[in-house]
N, C-alpha and C. Protein backbone atom coordinates (compact mmCIF):
# COMPACT_ATOMS: atom_id res chain seq x y z
N UNK A 1 0.83 -1.19 0.00
CA UNK A 1 0.00 0.00 0.00
C UNK A 1 0.88 1.26 0.00
N UNK A 2 1.86 1.31 0.87
CA UNK A 2 2.75 2.46 0.94
C UNK A 2 3.60 2.56 -0.32
N UNK A 3 4.04 1.39 -0.83
CA UNK A 3 4.84 1.38 -2.05
C UNK A 3 4.04 1.92 -3.23
N UNK A 4 2.77 1.52 -3.33
CA UNK A 4 1.92 2.00 -4.43
C UNK A 4 1.73 3.51 -4.33
N UNK A 5 1.55 4.01 -3.14
CA UNK A 5 1.40 5.45 -2.95
C UNK A 5 2.67 6.19 -3.37
N UNK A 6 3.83 5.66 -3.00
CA UNK A 6 5.08 6.29 -3.39
C UNK A 6 5.27 6.27 -4.91
N UNK A 7 4.92 5.15 -5.54
CA UNK A 7 5.02 5.05 -7.00
C UNK A 7 4.10 6.05 -7.67
N UNK A 8 2.87 6.19 -7.17
CA UNK A 8 1.93 7.15 -7.75
C UNK A 8 2.42 8.59 -7.56
N UNK A 9 3.04 8.89 -6.42
CA UNK A 9 3.58 10.22 -6.21
C UNK A 9 4.73 10.51 -7.17
N UNK A 10 5.59 9.52 -7.37
CA UNK A 10 6.72 9.71 -8.30
C UNK A 10 6.22 9.88 -9.72
N UNK A 11 5.29 9.03 -10.14
CA UNK A 11 4.75 9.14 -11.50
C UNK A 11 3.99 10.45 -11.67
N UNK A 12 3.22 10.84 -10.67
CA UNK A 12 2.51 12.12 -10.73
C UNK A 12 3.47 13.29 -10.81
N UNK A 13 4.55 13.22 -10.05
CA UNK A 13 5.55 14.27 -10.12
C UNK A 13 6.22 14.34 -11.47
N UNK A 14 6.53 13.18 -12.04
CA UNK A 14 7.15 13.15 -13.36
C UNK A 14 6.19 13.68 -14.44
N UNK A 15 4.92 13.31 -14.33
CA UNK A 15 3.94 13.82 -15.29
C UNK A 15 3.76 15.33 -15.13
N UNK A 16 3.75 15.81 -13.89
CA UNK A 16 3.67 17.25 -13.65
C UNK A 16 4.89 17.98 -14.17
N UNK A 17 6.07 17.38 -13.97
CA UNK A 17 7.30 17.98 -14.49
C UNK A 17 7.28 18.01 -16.02
N UNK A 18 6.85 16.89 -16.63
CA UNK A 18 6.78 16.83 -18.09
C UNK A 18 5.80 17.86 -18.63
N UNK A 19 4.64 17.98 -17.98
CA UNK A 19 3.65 18.96 -18.43
C UNK A 19 4.19 20.38 -18.27
N UNK A 20 4.91 20.62 -17.19
CA UNK A 20 5.49 21.94 -16.97
C UNK A 20 6.53 22.27 -18.03
N UNK A 21 7.31 21.27 -18.45
CA UNK A 21 8.31 21.48 -19.49
C UNK A 21 7.64 21.68 -20.85
N UNK A 22 6.57 20.91 -21.12
CA UNK A 22 5.85 21.05 -22.37
C UNK A 22 5.22 22.44 -22.46
N UNK A 23 4.69 22.90 -21.34
CA UNK A 23 4.04 24.21 -21.29
C UNK A 23 5.04 25.35 -21.08
N UNK A 24 6.34 25.03 -21.04
CA UNK A 24 7.43 25.99 -20.91
C UNK A 24 7.31 26.87 -19.67
N UNK A 25 7.17 26.22 -18.53
CA UNK A 25 7.09 26.95 -17.27
C UNK A 25 8.32 26.74 -16.42
N UNK A 26 8.46 27.50 -15.34
CA UNK A 26 9.60 27.31 -14.45
C UNK A 26 9.44 26.00 -13.67
N UNK A 27 10.54 25.33 -13.44
CA UNK A 27 10.48 24.03 -12.75
C UNK A 27 11.06 24.10 -11.35
N UNK A 28 10.95 25.25 -10.71
CA UNK A 28 11.56 25.41 -9.40
C UNK A 28 10.67 24.90 -8.26
N UNK A 29 9.39 24.75 -8.47
CA UNK A 29 8.48 24.33 -7.40
C UNK A 29 8.11 22.86 -7.60
N UNK A 30 8.85 21.97 -6.96
CA UNK A 30 8.65 20.54 -7.14
C UNK A 30 7.32 20.09 -6.54
N UNK A 31 6.94 20.64 -5.40
CA UNK A 31 5.68 20.25 -4.75
C UNK A 31 4.50 20.60 -5.64
N UNK A 32 4.54 21.77 -6.24
CA UNK A 32 3.46 22.18 -7.14
C UNK A 32 3.39 21.26 -8.36
N UNK A 33 4.56 20.86 -8.88
CA UNK A 33 4.58 19.93 -10.01
C UNK A 33 3.94 18.59 -9.63
N UNK A 34 4.24 18.09 -8.43
CA UNK A 34 3.65 16.82 -7.98
C UNK A 34 2.14 16.95 -7.84
N UNK A 35 1.70 18.02 -7.21
CA UNK A 35 0.26 18.21 -7.00
C UNK A 35 -0.47 18.36 -8.34
N UNK A 36 0.06 19.19 -9.22
CA UNK A 36 -0.58 19.37 -10.53
C UNK A 36 -0.51 18.09 -11.35
N UNK A 37 0.56 17.32 -11.19
CA UNK A 37 0.65 16.04 -11.88
C UNK A 37 -0.36 15.03 -11.38
N UNK A 38 -0.59 14.99 -10.07
CA UNK A 38 -1.59 14.07 -9.51
C UNK A 38 -2.99 14.47 -9.93
N UNK A 39 -3.28 15.77 -9.88
CA UNK A 39 -4.59 16.24 -10.33
C UNK A 39 -4.74 16.00 -11.83
N UNK A 40 -3.66 16.20 -12.57
CA UNK A 40 -3.68 15.93 -14.00
C UNK A 40 -3.90 14.46 -14.31
N UNK A 41 -3.39 13.58 -13.46
CA UNK A 41 -3.64 12.16 -13.64
C UNK A 41 -5.11 11.83 -13.50
N UNK A 42 -5.78 12.48 -12.56
CA UNK A 42 -7.22 12.27 -12.39
C UNK A 42 -7.97 12.81 -13.60
N UNK A 43 -7.58 14.00 -14.06
CA UNK A 43 -8.22 14.58 -15.24
C UNK A 43 -7.98 13.69 -16.46
N UNK A 44 -6.75 13.20 -16.61
CA UNK A 44 -6.44 12.31 -17.72
C UNK A 44 -7.24 11.01 -17.65
N UNK A 45 -7.44 10.48 -16.44
CA UNK A 45 -8.26 9.29 -16.27
C UNK A 45 -9.71 9.54 -16.67
N UNK A 46 -10.21 10.71 -16.32
CA UNK A 46 -11.58 11.06 -16.72
C UNK A 46 -11.70 11.19 -18.24
N UNK A 47 -10.69 11.79 -18.85
CA UNK A 47 -10.68 11.91 -20.31
C UNK A 47 -10.65 10.52 -20.94
N UNK A 48 -9.82 9.64 -20.39
CA UNK A 48 -9.73 8.27 -20.90
C UNK A 48 -11.04 7.52 -20.77
N UNK A 49 -11.74 7.72 -19.65
CA UNK A 49 -13.04 7.07 -19.47
C UNK A 49 -14.07 7.60 -20.46
N UNK A 50 -14.04 8.89 -20.70
CA UNK A 50 -14.99 9.48 -21.65
C UNK A 50 -14.72 8.97 -23.06
N UNK A 51 -13.44 8.88 -23.43
CA UNK A 51 -13.08 8.42 -24.77
C UNK A 51 -13.12 6.90 -24.91
N UNK A 52 -13.21 6.20 -23.79
CA UNK A 52 -13.27 4.74 -23.83
C UNK A 52 -11.94 4.09 -24.17
N UNK A 53 -10.84 4.69 -23.71
CA UNK A 53 -9.52 4.14 -24.01
C UNK A 53 -9.25 2.88 -23.18
N UNK A 54 -8.38 2.04 -23.70
CA UNK A 54 -7.99 0.84 -22.97
C UNK A 54 -7.06 1.24 -21.84
N UNK A 55 -7.16 0.53 -20.73
CA UNK A 55 -6.40 0.88 -19.53
C UNK A 55 -5.05 0.15 -19.54
N UNK A 56 -4.07 0.75 -20.21
CA UNK A 56 -2.71 0.24 -20.17
C UNK A 56 -1.82 1.30 -19.52
N UNK A 57 -0.63 0.92 -19.13
CA UNK A 57 0.21 1.87 -18.43
C UNK A 57 0.71 2.97 -19.36
N UNK A 58 0.88 2.67 -20.65
CA UNK A 58 1.34 3.70 -21.59
C UNK A 58 0.24 4.74 -21.82
N UNK A 59 -0.99 4.27 -22.05
CA UNK A 59 -2.08 5.24 -22.23
C UNK A 59 -2.32 6.01 -20.94
N UNK A 60 -2.12 5.37 -19.80
CA UNK A 60 -2.28 6.06 -18.52
C UNK A 60 -1.28 7.19 -18.36
N UNK A 61 -0.03 6.94 -18.73
CA UNK A 61 0.99 7.98 -18.62
C UNK A 61 0.73 9.10 -19.62
N UNK A 62 0.38 8.74 -20.85
CA UNK A 62 0.09 9.77 -21.86
C UNK A 62 -1.10 10.62 -21.45
N UNK A 63 -2.16 9.97 -20.98
CA UNK A 63 -3.34 10.73 -20.55
C UNK A 63 -3.04 11.55 -19.30
N UNK A 64 -2.17 11.06 -18.43
CA UNK A 64 -1.78 11.84 -17.25
C UNK A 64 -1.01 13.09 -17.66
N UNK A 65 -0.14 12.97 -18.64
CA UNK A 65 0.60 14.14 -19.11
C UNK A 65 -0.35 15.13 -19.78
N UNK A 66 -1.27 14.63 -20.60
CA UNK A 66 -2.26 15.51 -21.24
C UNK A 66 -3.12 16.19 -20.18
N UNK A 67 -3.59 15.42 -19.21
CA UNK A 67 -4.39 16.00 -18.13
C UNK A 67 -3.59 17.00 -17.32
N UNK A 68 -2.30 16.72 -17.10
CA UNK A 68 -1.45 17.66 -16.37
C UNK A 68 -1.25 18.95 -17.15
N UNK A 69 -1.12 18.84 -18.47
CA UNK A 69 -1.02 20.05 -19.30
C UNK A 69 -2.27 20.90 -19.17
N UNK A 70 -3.42 20.25 -19.15
CA UNK A 70 -4.68 20.98 -18.99
C UNK A 70 -4.74 21.66 -17.63
N UNK A 71 -4.33 20.94 -16.59
CA UNK A 71 -4.36 21.50 -15.24
C UNK A 71 -3.35 22.64 -15.11
N UNK A 72 -2.16 22.50 -15.69
CA UNK A 72 -1.16 23.57 -15.65
C UNK A 72 -1.70 24.80 -16.38
N UNK A 73 -2.34 24.60 -17.52
CA UNK A 73 -2.92 25.73 -18.26
C UNK A 73 -3.99 26.43 -17.42
N UNK A 74 -4.88 25.63 -16.81
CA UNK A 74 -5.93 26.22 -15.96
C UNK A 74 -5.32 26.93 -14.75
N UNK A 75 -4.29 26.35 -14.16
CA UNK A 75 -3.62 26.95 -13.01
C UNK A 75 -3.07 28.33 -13.39
N UNK A 76 -2.40 28.38 -14.53
CA UNK A 76 -1.82 29.67 -14.97
C UNK A 76 -2.90 30.67 -15.33
N UNK A 77 -3.99 30.20 -15.89
CA UNK A 77 -5.06 31.10 -16.33
C UNK A 77 -5.79 31.72 -15.14
N UNK A 78 -6.07 30.91 -14.10
CA UNK A 78 -6.93 31.38 -13.02
C UNK A 78 -6.18 31.77 -11.75
N UNK A 79 -4.97 31.24 -11.53
CA UNK A 79 -4.28 31.53 -10.28
C UNK A 79 -3.23 32.62 -10.45
N UNK A 80 -2.51 32.58 -11.52
CA UNK A 80 -1.43 33.55 -11.69
C UNK A 80 -1.84 34.72 -12.54
């Protein structure tokens, strides 16, 4: 259980970092990248469910990065 949580945090952080790099933002706030990556993973999962995508780890990572890009864009639009 703890291992799965740590893996999800690392993957969420990596997806948040990737989305931040794709969106050309500063990468100095690691905690924000992890949080936006985790929220982006949820958004990506919702997008995958709506589109009816197959649940594989590659589609999960791609959808998490896409969802993270959406969340980063919304964060910049409404918070900053």
